[in-house]
Amino acid sequence: IREATQLALERDGFVVTAAPDGLTGLERFRADRPDIALLDVMVPGLDG
């Protein structure tokens, strides 16, 4: 789902930073300061 959705969003012109778990997502958020966040509810480490 992560790879397919990332490709679909990039085809529509978005720049996508993907993360496999909540802790990595938090690190990416703080480092990249994205314009919007898509968070799956059930992710390991730190839930959505």
ModelCIF file with pLDDT and N, C-alpha, C, O atoms, coordinates in Angstrom:
data_MODEL
#
_entry.id   MODEL 
#
_entity.id                         1 
_entity.type                       polymer 
_entity.pdbx_number_of_molecules   1 
#
_entity_poly.entity_id                      1 
_entity_poly.type                           'polypeptide(L)' 
_entity_poly.nstd_linkage                   no 
_entity_poly.nstd_monomer                   no 
_entity_poly.pdbx_seq_one_letter_code       IREATQLALERDGFVVTAAPDGLTGLERFRADRPDIALLDVMVPGLDG 
_entity_poly.pdbx_seq_one_letter_code_can   IREATQLALERDGFVVTAAPDGLTGLERFRADRPDIALLDVMVPGLDG 
_entity_poly.pdbx_strand_id                 A 
#
loop_
_entity_poly_seq.entity_id 
_entity_poly_seq.num 
_entity_poly_seq.mon_id 
_entity_poly_seq.hetero 
1 1  ILE n 
1 2  ARG n 
1 3  GLU n 
1 4  ALA n 
1 5  THR n 
1 6  GLN n 
1 7  LEU n 
1 8  ALA n 
1 9  LEU n 
1 10 GLU n 
1 11 ARG n 
1 12 ASP n 
1 13 GLY n 
1 14 PHE n 
1 15 VAL n 
1 16 VAL n 
1 17 THR n 
1 18 ALA n 
1 19 ALA n 
1 20 PRO n 
1 21 ASP n 
1 22 GLY n 
1 23 LEU n 
1 24 THR n 
1 25 GLY n 
1 26 LEU n 
1 27 GLU n 
1 28 ARG n 
1 29 PHE n 
1 30 ARG n 
1 31 ALA n 
1 32 ASP n 
1 33 ARG n 
1 34 PRO n 
1 35 ASP n 
1 36 ILE n 
1 37 ALA n 
1 38 LEU n 
1 39 LEU n 
1 40 ASP n 
1 41 VAL n 
1 42 MET n 
1 43 VAL n 
1 44 PRO n 
1 45 GLY n 
1 46 LEU n 
1 47 ASP n 
1 48 GLY n 
#
_struct_asym.id          A 
_struct_asym.entity_id   1 
#
loop_
_ma_qa_metric.id 
_ma_qa_metric.mode 
_ma_qa_metric.name 
_ma_qa_metric.software_group_id 
_ma_qa_metric.type 
1 global pLDDT . pLDDT 
2 local  pLDDT . pLDDT 
#
_ma_qa_metric_global.metric_id      1 
_ma_qa_metric_global.metric_value   95.08 
_ma_qa_metric_global.model_id       1 
_ma_qa_metric_global.ordinal_id     1 
#
loop_
_ma_qa_metric_local.label_asym_id 
_ma_qa_metric_local.label_comp_id 
_ma_qa_metric_local.label_seq_id 
_ma_qa_metric_local.metric_id 
_ma_qa_metric_local.metric_value 
_ma_qa_metric_local.model_id 
_ma_qa_metric_local.ordinal_id 
A ILE 1  2 93.00 1 1  
A ARG 2  2 95.00 1 2  
A GLU 3  2 95.00 1 3  
A ALA 4  2 93.00 1 4  
A THR 5  2 94.00 1 5  
A GLN 6  2 95.00 1 6  
A LEU 7  2 94.00 1 7  
A ALA 8  2 93.00 1 8  
A LEU 9  2 95.00 1 9  
A GLU 10 2 95.00 1 10 
A ARG 11 2 93.00 1 11 
A ASP 12 2 93.00 1 12 
A GLY 13 2 93.00 1 13 
A PHE 14 2 95.00 1 14 
A VAL 15 2 96.00 1 15 
A VAL 16 2 97.00 1 16 
A THR 17 2 97.00 1 17 
A ALA 18 2 97.00 1 18 
A ALA 19 2 97.00 1 19 
A PRO 20 2 97.00 1 20 
A ASP 21 2 97.00 1 21 
A GLY 22 2 96.00 1 22 
A LEU 23 2 97.00 1 23 
A THR 24 2 97.00 1 24 
A GLY 25 2 97.00 1 25 
A LEU 26 2 97.00 1 26 
A GLU 27 2 97.00 1 27 
A ARG 28 2 97.00 1 28 
A PHE 29 2 97.00 1 29 
A ARG 30 2 97.00 1 30 
A ALA 31 2 96.00 1 31 
A ASP 32 2 94.00 1 32 
A ARG 33 2 95.00 1 33 
A PRO 34 2 96.00 1 34 
A ASP 35 2 95.00 1 35 
A ILE 36 2 96.00 1 36 
A ALA 37 2 97.00 1 37 
A LEU 38 2 97.00 1 38 
A LEU 39 2 96.00 1 39 
A ASP 40 2 94.00 1 40 
A VAL 41 2 91.00 1 41 
A MET 42 2 89.00 1 42 
A VAL 43 2 93.00 1 43 
A PRO 44 2 94.00 1 44 
A GLY 45 2 92.00 1 45 
A LEU 46 2 95.00 1 46 
A ASP 47 2 94.00 1 47 
A GLY 48 2 94.00 1 48 
#
loop_
_atom_site.group_PDB 
_atom_site.id 
_atom_site.type_symbol 
_atom_site.label_atom_id 
_atom_site.label_alt_id 
_atom_site.label_comp_id 
_atom_site.label_asym_id 
_atom_site.label_entity_id 
_atom_site.label_seq_id 
_atom_site.pdbx_PDB_ins_code 
_atom_site.Cartn_x 
_atom_site.Cartn_y 
_atom_site.Cartn_z 
_atom_site.occupancy 
_atom_site.B_iso_or_equiv 
_atom_site.pdbx_formal_charge 
_atom_site.auth_seq_id 
_atom_site.auth_comp_id 
_atom_site.auth_asym_id 
_atom_site.auth_atom_id 
_atom_site.pdbx_PDB_model_num 
ATOM 1   N N  . ILE A 1 1  ? 0.840  -1.208 0.000   1.00 93.00 ? 1  ILE A N  1 
ATOM 2   C CA . ILE A 1 1  ? 0.000  0.000  0.000   1.00 93.00 ? 1  ILE A CA 1 
ATOM 3   C C  . ILE A 1 1  ? 0.869  1.250  0.000   1.00 93.00 ? 1  ILE A C  1 
ATOM 4   O O  . ILE A 1 1  ? 0.583  2.210  -0.716  1.00 93.00 ? 1  ILE A O  1 
ATOM 5   N N  . ARG A 1 2  ? 1.937  1.239  0.807   1.00 95.00 ? 2  ARG A N  1 
ATOM 6   C CA . ARG A 1 2  ? 2.799  2.427  0.906   1.00 95.00 ? 2  ARG A CA 1 
ATOM 7   C C  . ARG A 1 2  ? 3.442  2.749  -0.436  1.00 95.00 ? 2  ARG A C  1 
ATOM 8   O O  . ARG A 1 2  ? 3.433  3.899  -0.875  1.00 95.00 ? 2  ARG A O  1 
ATOM 9   N N  . GLU A 1 3  ? 4.005  1.723  -1.093  1.00 95.00 ? 3  GLU A N  1 
ATOM 10  C CA . GLU A 1 3  ? 4.699  1.973  -2.356  1.00 95.00 ? 3  GLU A CA 1 
ATOM 11  C C  . GLU A 1 3  ? 3.734  2.342  -3.476  1.00 95.00 ? 3  GLU A C  1 
ATOM 12  O O  . GLU A 1 3  ? 4.024  3.229  -4.278  1.00 95.00 ? 3  GLU A O  1 
ATOM 13  N N  . ALA A 1 4  ? 2.582  1.662  -3.535  1.00 93.00 ? 4  ALA A N  1 
ATOM 14  C CA . ALA A 1 4  ? 1.611  1.956  -4.594  1.00 93.00 ? 4  ALA A CA 1 
ATOM 15  C C  . ALA A 1 4  ? 1.027  3.353  -4.431  1.00 93.00 ? 4  ALA A C  1 
ATOM 16  O O  . ALA A 1 4  ? 0.870  4.088  -5.406  1.00 93.00 ? 4  ALA A O  1 
ATOM 17  N N  . THR A 1 5  ? 0.709  3.711  -3.197  1.00 94.00 ? 5  THR A N  1 
ATOM 18  C CA . THR A 1 5  ? 0.124  5.030  -2.946  1.00 94.00 ? 5  THR A CA 1 
ATOM 19  C C  . THR A 1 5  ? 1.148  6.129  -3.189  1.00 94.00 ? 5  THR A C  1 
ATOM 20  O O  . THR A 1 5  ? 0.817  7.182  -3.733  1.00 94.00 ? 5  THR A O  1 
ATOM 21  N N  . GLN A 1 6  ? 2.386  5.887  -2.789  1.00 95.00 ? 6  GLN A N  1 
ATOM 22  C CA . GLN A 1 6  ? 3.431  6.884  -3.037  1.00 95.00 ? 6  GLN A CA 1 
ATOM 23  C C  . GLN A 1 6  ? 3.587  7.137  -4.530  1.00 95.00 ? 6  GLN A C  1 
ATOM 24  O O  . GLN A 1 6  ? 3.693  8.288  -4.954  1.00 95.00 ? 6  GLN A O  1 
ATOM 25  N N  . LEU A 1 7  ? 3.601  6.076  -5.331  1.00 94.00 ? 7  LEU A N  1 
ATOM 26  C CA . LEU A 1 7  ? 3.724  6.236  -6.778  1.00 94.00 ? 7  LEU A CA 1 
ATOM 27  C C  . LEU A 1 7  ? 2.534  7.001  -7.360  1.00 94.00 ? 7  LEU A C  1 
ATOM 28  O O  . LEU A 1 7  ? 2.700  7.859  -8.227  1.00 94.00 ? 7  LEU A O  1 
ATOM 29  N N  . ALA A 1 8  ? 1.325  6.679  -6.870  1.00 93.00 ? 8  ALA A N  1 
ATOM 30  C CA . ALA A 1 8  ? 0.124  7.357  -7.369  1.00 93.00 ? 8  ALA A CA 1 
ATOM 31  C C  . ALA A 1 8  ? 0.166  8.840  -7.037  1.00 93.00 ? 8  ALA A C  1 
ATOM 32  O O  . ALA A 1 8  ? -0.176 9.672  -7.877  1.00 93.00 ? 8  ALA A O  1 
ATOM 33  N N  . LEU A 1 9  ? 0.582  9.180  -5.820  1.00 95.00 ? 9  LEU A N  1 
ATOM 34  C CA . LEU A 1 9  ? 0.653  10.588 -5.427  1.00 95.00 ? 9  LEU A CA 1 
ATOM 35  C C  . LEU A 1 9  ? 1.730  11.322 -6.210  1.00 95.00 ? 9  LEU A C  1 
ATOM 36  O O  . LEU A 1 9  ? 1.538  12.472 -6.606  1.00 95.00 ? 9  LEU A O  1 
ATOM 37  N N  . GLU A 1 10 ? 2.854  10.668 -6.435  1.00 95.00 ? 10 GLU A N  1 
ATOM 38  C CA . GLU A 1 10 ? 3.932  11.311 -7.200  1.00 95.00 ? 10 GLU A CA 1 
ATOM 39  C C  . GLU A 1 10 ? 3.518  11.545 -8.650  1.00 95.00 ? 10 GLU A C  1 
ATOM 40  O O  . GLU A 1 10 ? 3.916  12.536 -9.262  1.00 95.00 ? 10 GLU A O  1 
ATOM 41  N N  . ARG A 1 11 ? 2.713  10.626 -9.202  1.00 93.00 ? 11 ARG A N  1 
ATOM 42  C CA . ARG A 1 11 ? 2.204  10.837 -10.564 1.00 93.00 ? 11 ARG A CA 1 
ATOM 43  C C  . ARG A 1 11 ? 1.307  12.066 -10.644 1.00 93.00 ? 11 ARG A C  1 
ATOM 44  O O  . ARG A 1 11 ? 1.212  12.709 -11.690 1.00 93.00 ? 11 ARG A O  1 
ATOM 45  N N  . ASP A 1 12 ? 0.653  12.387 -9.534  1.00 93.00 ? 12 ASP A N  1 
ATOM 46  C CA . ASP A 1 12 ? -0.203 13.568 -9.500  1.00 93.00 ? 12 ASP A CA 1 
ATOM 47  C C  . ASP A 1 12 ? 0.561  14.830 -9.116  1.00 93.00 ? 12 ASP A C  1 
ATOM 48  O O  . ASP A 1 12 ? -0.049 15.880 -8.912  1.00 93.00 ? 12 ASP A O  1 
ATOM 49  N N  . GLY A 1 13 ? 1.864  14.745 -9.018  1.00 93.00 ? 13 GLY A N  1 
ATOM 50  C CA . GLY A 1 13 ? 2.674  15.937 -8.809  1.00 93.00 ? 13 GLY A CA 1 
ATOM 51  C C  . GLY A 1 13 ? 3.071  16.230 -7.374  1.00 93.00 ? 13 GLY A C  1 
ATOM 52  O O  . GLY A 1 13 ? 3.664  17.274 -7.100  1.00 93.00 ? 13 GLY A O  1 
ATOM 53  N N  . PHE A 1 14 ? 2.755  15.325 -6.452  1.00 95.00 ? 14 PHE A N  1 
ATOM 54  C CA . PHE A 1 14 ? 3.141  15.530 -5.058  1.00 95.00 ? 14 PHE A CA 1 
ATOM 55  C C  . PHE A 1 14 ? 4.556  15.017 -4.814  1.00 95.00 ? 14 PHE A C  1 
ATOM 56  O O  . PHE A 1 14 ? 5.012  14.070 -5.456  1.00 95.00 ? 14 PHE A O  1 
ATOM 57  N N  . VAL A 1 15 ? 5.239  15.662 -3.873  1.00 96.00 ? 15 VAL A N  1 
ATOM 58  C CA . VAL A 1 15 ? 6.504  15.145 -3.361  1.00 96.00 ? 15 VAL A CA 1 
ATOM 59  C C  . VAL A 1 15 ? 6.168  14.345 -2.113  1.00 96.00 ? 15 VAL A C  1 
ATOM 60  O O  . VAL A 1 15 ? 5.542  14.880 -1.197  1.00 96.00 ? 15 VAL A O  1 
ATOM 61  N N  . VAL A 1 16 ? 6.562  13.089 -2.051  1.00 97.00 ? 16 VAL A N  1 
ATOM 62  C CA . VAL A 1 16 ? 6.136  12.192 -0.978  1.00 97.00 ? 16 VAL A CA 1 
ATOM 63  C C  . VAL A 1 16 ? 7.322  11.693 -0.171  1.00 97.00 ? 16 VAL A C  1 
ATOM 64  O O  . VAL A 1 16 ? 8.300  11.188 -0.722  1.00 97.00 ? 16 VAL A O  1 
ATOM 65  N N  . THR A 1 17 ? 7.221  11.842 1.145   1.00 97.00 ? 17 THR A N  1 
ATOM 66  C CA . THR A 1 17 ? 8.130  11.184 2.073   1.00 97.00 ? 17 THR A CA 1 
ATOM 67  C C  . THR A 1 17 ? 7.338  10.081 2.754   1.00 97.00 ? 17 THR A C  1 
ATOM 68  O O  . THR A 1 17 ? 6.344  10.353 3.427   1.00 97.00 ? 17 THR A O  1 
ATOM 69  N N  . ALA A 1 18 ? 7.776  8.826  2.583   1.00 97.00 ? 18 ALA A N  1 
ATOM 70  C CA . ALA A 1 18 ? 7.053  7.690  3.139   1.00 97.00 ? 18 ALA A CA 1 
ATOM 71  C C  . ALA A 1 18 ? 7.800  7.126  4.339   1.00 97.00 ? 18 ALA A C  1 
ATOM 72  O O  . ALA A 1 18 ? 9.030  7.096  4.373   1.00 97.00 ? 18 ALA A O  1 
ATOM 73  N N  . ALA A 1 19 ? 7.021  6.677  5.326   1.00 97.00 ? 19 ALA A N  1 
ATOM 74  C CA . ALA A 1 19 ? 7.611  6.090  6.528   1.00 97.00 ? 19 ALA A CA 1 
ATOM 75  C C  . ALA A 1 19 ? 6.821  4.834  6.899   1.00 97.00 ? 19 ALA A C  1 
ATOM 76  O O  . ALA A 1 19 ? 5.598  4.814  6.756   1.00 97.00 ? 19 ALA A O  1 
ATOM 77  N N  . PRO A 1 20 ? 7.511  3.772  7.378   1.00 97.00 ? 20 PRO A N  1 
ATOM 78  C CA . PRO A 1 20 ? 6.829  2.516  7.681   1.00 97.00 ? 20 PRO A CA 1 
ATOM 79  C C  . PRO A 1 20 ? 6.288  2.411  9.102   1.00 97.00 ? 20 PRO A C  1 
ATOM 80  O O  . PRO A 1 20 ? 5.582  1.454  9.421   1.00 97.00 ? 20 PRO A O  1 
ATOM 81  N N  . ASP A 1 21 ? 6.604  3.370  9.954   1.00 97.00 ? 21 ASP A N  1 
ATOM 82  C CA . ASP A 1 21 ? 6.140  3.305  11.339  1.00 97.00 ? 21 ASP A CA 1 
ATOM 83  C C  . ASP A 1 21 ? 6.027  4.721  11.911  1.00 97.00 ? 21 ASP A C  1 
ATOM 84  O O  . ASP A 1 21 ? 6.516  5.687  11.325  1.00 97.00 ? 21 ASP A O  1 
ATOM 85  N N  . GLY A 1 22 ? 5.371  4.818  13.067  1.00 96.00 ? 22 GLY A N  1 
ATOM 86  C CA . GLY A 1 22 ? 5.087  6.123  13.626  1.00 96.00 ? 22 GLY A CA 1 
ATOM 87  C C  . GLY A 1 22 ? 6.305  6.900  14.085  1.00 96.00 ? 22 GLY A C  1 
ATOM 88  O O  . GLY A 1 22 ? 6.368  8.112  13.879  1.00 96.00 ? 22 GLY A O  1 
ATOM 89  N N  . LEU A 1 23 ? 7.270  6.241  14.697  1.00 97.00 ? 23 LEU A N  1 
ATOM 90  C CA . LEU A 1 23 ? 8.463  6.938  15.175  1.00 97.00 ? 23 LEU A CA 1 
ATOM 91  C C  . LEU A 1 23 ? 9.280  7.497  14.018  1.00 97.00 ? 23 LEU A C  1 
ATOM 92  O O  . LEU A 1 23 ? 9.780  8.621  14.083  1.00 97.00 ? 23 LEU A O  1 
ATOM 93  N N  . THR A 1 24 ? 9.412  6.701  12.955  1.00 97.00 ? 24 THR A N  1 
ATOM 94  C CA . THR A 1 24 ? 10.097 7.209  11.770  1.00 97.00 ? 24 THR A CA 1 
ATOM 95  C C  . THR A 1 24 ? 9.309  8.357  11.148  1.00 97.00 ? 24 THR A C  1 
ATOM 96  O O  . THR A 1 24 ? 9.886  9.335  10.670  1.00 97.00 ? 24 THR A O  1 
ATOM 97  N N  . GLY A 1 25 ? 7.969  8.223  11.162  1.00 97.00 ? 25 GLY A N  1 
ATOM 98  C CA . GLY A 1 25 ? 7.125  9.296  10.638  1.00 97.00 ? 25 GLY A CA 1 
ATOM 99  C C  . GLY A 1 25 ? 7.329  10.589 11.395  1.00 97.00 ? 25 GLY A C  1 
ATOM 100 O O  . GLY A 1 25 ? 7.373  11.660 10.790  1.00 97.00 ? 25 GLY A O  1 
ATOM 101 N N  . LEU A 1 26 ? 7.457  10.506 12.719  1.00 97.00 ? 26 LEU A N  1 
ATOM 102 C CA . LEU A 1 26 ? 7.674  11.712 13.523  1.00 97.00 ? 26 LEU A CA 1 
ATOM 103 C C  . LEU A 1 26 ? 9.021  12.344 13.197  1.00 97.00 ? 26 LEU A C  1 
ATOM 104 O O  . LEU A 1 26 ? 9.137  13.566 13.104  1.00 97.00 ? 26 LEU A O  1 
ATOM 105 N N  . GLU A 1 27 ? 10.034 11.503 13.025  1.00 97.00 ? 27 GLU A N  1 
ATOM 106 C CA . GLU A 1 27 ? 11.350 12.022 12.655  1.00 97.00 ? 27 GLU A CA 1 
ATOM 107 C C  . GLU A 1 27 ? 11.302 12.726 11.297  1.00 97.00 ? 27 GLU A C  1 
ATOM 108 O O  . GLU A 1 27 ? 11.861 13.810 11.124  1.00 97.00 ? 27 GLU A O  1 
ATOM 109 N N  . ARG A 1 28 ? 10.625 12.092 10.342  1.00 97.00 ? 28 ARG A N  1 
ATOM 110 C CA . ARG A 1 28 ? 10.516 12.691 9.003   1.00 97.00 ? 28 ARG A CA 1 
ATOM 111 C C  . ARG A 1 28 ? 9.723  14.006 9.054   1.00 97.00 ? 28 ARG A C  1 
ATOM 112 O O  . ARG A 1 28 ? 10.053 14.972 8.366   1.00 97.00 ? 28 ARG A O  1 
ATOM 113 N N  . PHE A 1 29 ? 8.680  14.019 9.875   1.00 97.00 ? 29 PHE A N  1 
ATOM 114 C CA . PHE A 1 29 ? 7.887  15.241 9.990   1.00 97.00 ? 29 PHE A CA 1 
ATOM 115 C C  . PHE A 1 29 ? 8.748  16.386 10.509  1.00 97.00 ? 29 PHE A C  1 
ATOM 116 O O  . PHE A 1 29 ? 8.712  17.489 9.963   1.00 97.00 ? 29 PHE A O  1 
ATOM 117 N N  . ARG A 1 30 ? 9.509  16.132 11.544  1.00 97.00 ? 30 ARG A N  1 
ATOM 118 C CA . ARG A 1 30 ? 10.332 17.190 12.138  1.00 97.00 ? 30 ARG A CA 1 
ATOM 119 C C  . ARG A 1 30 ? 11.458 17.625 11.208  1.00 97.00 ? 30 ARG A C  1 
ATOM 120 O O  . ARG A 1 30 ? 11.857 18.790 11.210  1.00 97.00 ? 30 ARG A O  1 
ATOM 121 N N  . ALA A 1 31 ? 11.968 16.690 10.414  1.00 96.00 ? 31 ALA A N  1 
ATOM 122 C CA . ALA A 1 31 ? 13.075 17.024 9.514   1.00 96.00 ? 31 ALA A CA 1 
ATOM 123 C C  . ALA A 1 31 ? 12.606 17.733 8.248   1.00 96.00 ? 31 ALA A C  1 
ATOM 124 O O  . ALA A 1 31 ? 13.268 18.653 7.767   1.00 96.00 ? 31 ALA A O  1 
ATOM 125 N N  . ASP A 1 32 ? 11.456 17.303 7.706   1.00 94.00 ? 32 ASP A N  1 
ATOM 126 C CA . ASP A 1 32 ? 11.022 17.784 6.394   1.00 94.00 ? 32 ASP A CA 1 
ATOM 127 C C  . ASP A 1 32 ? 9.937  18.859 6.434   1.00 94.00 ? 32 ASP A C  1 
ATOM 128 O O  . ASP A 1 32 ? 9.780  19.616 5.477   1.00 94.00 ? 32 ASP A O  1 
ATOM 129 N N  . ARG A 1 33 ? 9.188  18.928 7.536   1.00 95.00 ? 33 ARG A N  1 
ATOM 130 C CA . ARG A 1 33 ? 8.087  19.893 7.654   1.00 95.00 ? 33 ARG A CA 1 
ATOM 131 C C  . ARG A 1 33 ? 7.171  19.857 6.424   1.00 95.00 ? 33 ARG A C  1 
ATOM 132 O O  . ARG A 1 33 ? 7.110  20.826 5.667   1.00 95.00 ? 33 ARG A O  1 
ATOM 133 N N  . PRO A 1 34 ? 6.464  18.746 6.228   1.00 96.00 ? 34 PRO A N  1 
ATOM 134 C CA . PRO A 1 34 ? 5.610  18.584 5.042   1.00 96.00 ? 34 PRO A CA 1 
ATOM 135 C C  . PRO A 1 34 ? 4.400  19.526 5.075   1.00 96.00 ? 34 PRO A C  1 
ATOM 136 O O  . PRO A 1 34 ? 4.094  20.136 6.099   1.00 96.00 ? 34 PRO A O  1 
ATOM 137 N N  . ASP A 1 35 ? 3.730  19.624 3.937   1.00 95.00 ? 35 ASP A N  1 
ATOM 138 C CA . ASP A 1 35 ? 2.531  20.463 3.826   1.00 95.00 ? 35 ASP A CA 1 
ATOM 139 C C  . ASP A 1 35 ? 1.289  19.750 4.347   1.00 95.00 ? 35 ASP A C  1 
ATOM 140 O O  . ASP A 1 35 ? 0.327  20.402 4.752   1.00 95.00 ? 35 ASP A O  1 
ATOM 141 N N  . ILE A 1 36 ? 1.300  18.418 4.342   1.00 96.00 ? 36 ILE A N  1 
ATOM 142 C CA . ILE A 1 36 ? 0.160  17.634 4.806   1.00 96.00 ? 36 ILE A CA 1 
ATOM 143 C C  . ILE A 1 36 ? 0.666  16.258 5.222   1.00 96.00 ? 36 ILE A C  1 
ATOM 144 O O  . ILE A 1 36 ? 1.652  15.761 4.679   1.00 96.00 ? 36 ILE A O  1 
ATOM 145 N N  . ALA A 1 37 ? -0.014 15.644 6.190   1.00 97.00 ? 37 ALA A N  1 
ATOM 146 C CA . ALA A 1 37 ? 0.379  14.322 6.669   1.00 97.00 ? 37 ALA A CA 1 
ATOM 147 C C  . ALA A 1 37 ? -0.765 13.334 6.487   1.00 97.00 ? 37 ALA A C  1 
ATOM 148 O O  . ALA A 1 37 ? -1.906 13.619 6.851   1.00 97.00 ? 37 ALA A O  1 
ATOM 149 N N  . LEU A 1 38 ? -0.453 12.164 5.918   1.00 97.00 ? 38 LEU A N  1 
ATOM 150 C CA . LEU A 1 38 ? -1.404 11.057 5.799   1.00 97.00 ? 38 LEU A CA 1 
ATOM 151 C C  . LEU A 1 38 ? -0.942 9.975  6.766   1.00 97.00 ? 38 LEU A C  1 
ATOM 152 O O  . LEU A 1 38 ? 0.154  9.435  6.616   1.00 97.00 ? 38 LEU A O  1 
ATOM 153 N N  . LEU A 1 39 ? -1.762 9.660  7.747   1.00 96.00 ? 39 LEU A N  1 
ATOM 154 C CA . LEU A 1 39 ? -1.348 8.743  8.801   1.00 96.00 ? 39 LEU A CA 1 
ATOM 155 C C  . LEU A 1 39 ? -2.287 7.553  8.880   1.00 96.00 ? 39 LEU A C  1 
ATOM 156 O O  . LEU A 1 39 ? -3.485 7.717  9.110   1.00 96.00 ? 39 LEU A O  1 
ATOM 157 N N  . ASP A 1 40 ? -1.746 6.353  8.691   1.00 94.00 ? 40 ASP A N  1 
ATOM 158 C CA . ASP A 1 40 ? -2.543 5.159  8.924   1.00 94.00 ? 40 ASP A CA 1 
ATOM 159 C C  . ASP A 1 40 ? -2.716 4.992  10.428  1.00 94.00 ? 40 ASP A C  1 
ATOM 160 O O  . ASP A 1 40 ? -1.781 5.217  11.195  1.00 94.00 ? 40 ASP A O  1 
ATOM 161 N N  . VAL A 1 41 ? -3.913 4.598  10.845  1.00 91.00 ? 41 VAL A N  1 
ATOM 162 C CA . VAL A 1 41 ? -4.198 4.464  12.276  1.00 91.00 ? 41 VAL A CA 1 
ATOM 163 C C  . VAL A 1 41 ? -3.337 3.386  12.906  1.00 91.00 ? 41 VAL A C  1 
ATOM 164 O O  . VAL A 1 41 ? -2.758 3.594  13.973  1.00 91.00 ? 41 VAL A O  1 
ATOM 165 N N  . MET A 1 42 ? -3.249 2.234  12.253  1.00 89.00 ? 42 MET A N  1 
ATOM 166 C CA . MET A 1 42 ? -2.568 1.073  12.835  1.00 89.00 ? 42 MET A CA 1 
ATOM 167 C C  . MET A 1 42 ? -1.161 0.943  12.273  1.00 89.00 ? 42 MET A C  1 
ATOM 168 O O  . MET A 1 42 ? -0.936 0.180  11.334  1.00 89.00 ? 42 MET A O  1 
ATOM 169 N N  . VAL A 1 43 ? -0.219 1.675  12.835  1.00 93.00 ? 43 VAL A N  1 
ATOM 170 C CA . VAL A 1 43 ? 1.188  1.525  12.464  1.00 93.00 ? 43 VAL A CA 1 
ATOM 171 C C  . VAL A 1 43 ? 1.987  1.206  13.727  1.00 93.00 ? 43 VAL A C  1 
ATOM 172 O O  . VAL A 1 43 ? 1.606  1.625  14.819  1.00 93.00 ? 43 VAL A O  1 
ATOM 173 N N  . PRO A 1 44 ? 3.089  0.471  13.589  1.00 94.00 ? 44 PRO A N  1 
ATOM 174 C CA . PRO A 1 44 ? 3.865  0.079  14.763  1.00 94.00 ? 44 PRO A CA 1 
ATOM 175 C C  . PRO A 1 44 ? 4.707  1.219  15.328  1.00 94.00 ? 44 PRO A C  1 
ATOM 176 O O  . PRO A 1 44 ? 4.895  2.255  14.691  1.00 94.00 ? 44 PRO A O  1 
ATOM 177 N N  . GLY A 1 45 ? 5.202  0.998  16.531  1.00 92.00 ? 45 GLY A N  1 
ATOM 178 C CA . GLY A 1 45 ? 6.098  1.944  17.177  1.00 92.00 ? 45 GLY A CA 1 
ATOM 179 C C  . GLY A 1 45 ? 5.353  3.059  17.870  1.00 92.00 ? 45 GLY A C  1 
ATOM 180 O O  . GLY A 1 45 ? 5.378  3.172  19.095  1.00 92.00 ? 45 GLY A O  1 
ATOM 181 N N  . LEU A 1 46 ? 4.699  3.871  17.089  1.00 95.00 ? 46 LEU A N  1 
ATOM 182 C CA . LEU A 1 46 ? 3.863  4.970  17.571  1.00 95.00 ? 46 LEU A CA 1 
ATOM 183 C C  . LEU A 1 46 ? 2.629  4.976  16.677  1.00 95.00 ? 46 LEU A C  1 
ATOM 184 O O  . LEU A 1 46 ? 2.727  5.317  15.498  1.00 95.00 ? 46 LEU A O  1 
ATOM 185 N N  . ASP A 1 47 ? 1.475  4.609  17.213  1.00 94.00 ? 47 ASP A N  1 
ATOM 186 C CA . ASP A 1 47 ? 0.291  4.475  16.357  1.00 94.00 ? 47 ASP A CA 1 
ATOM 187 C C  . ASP A 1 47 ? -0.114 5.816  15.763  1.00 94.00 ? 47 ASP A C  1 
ATOM 188 O O  . ASP A 1 47 ? 0.319  6.873  16.221  1.00 94.00 ? 47 ASP A O  1 
ATOM 189 N N  . GLY A 1 48 ? -0.952 5.752  14.737  1.00 94.00 ? 48 GLY A N  1 
ATOM 190 C CA . GLY A 1 48 ? -1.313 6.958  14.009  1.00 94.00 ? 48 GLY A CA 1 
ATOM 191 C C  . GLY A 1 48 ? -1.995 8.012  14.853  1.00 94.00 ? 48 GLY A C  1 
ATOM 192 O O  . GLY A 1 48 ? -2.347 9.077  14.345  1.00 94.00 ? 48 GLY A O  1 
#
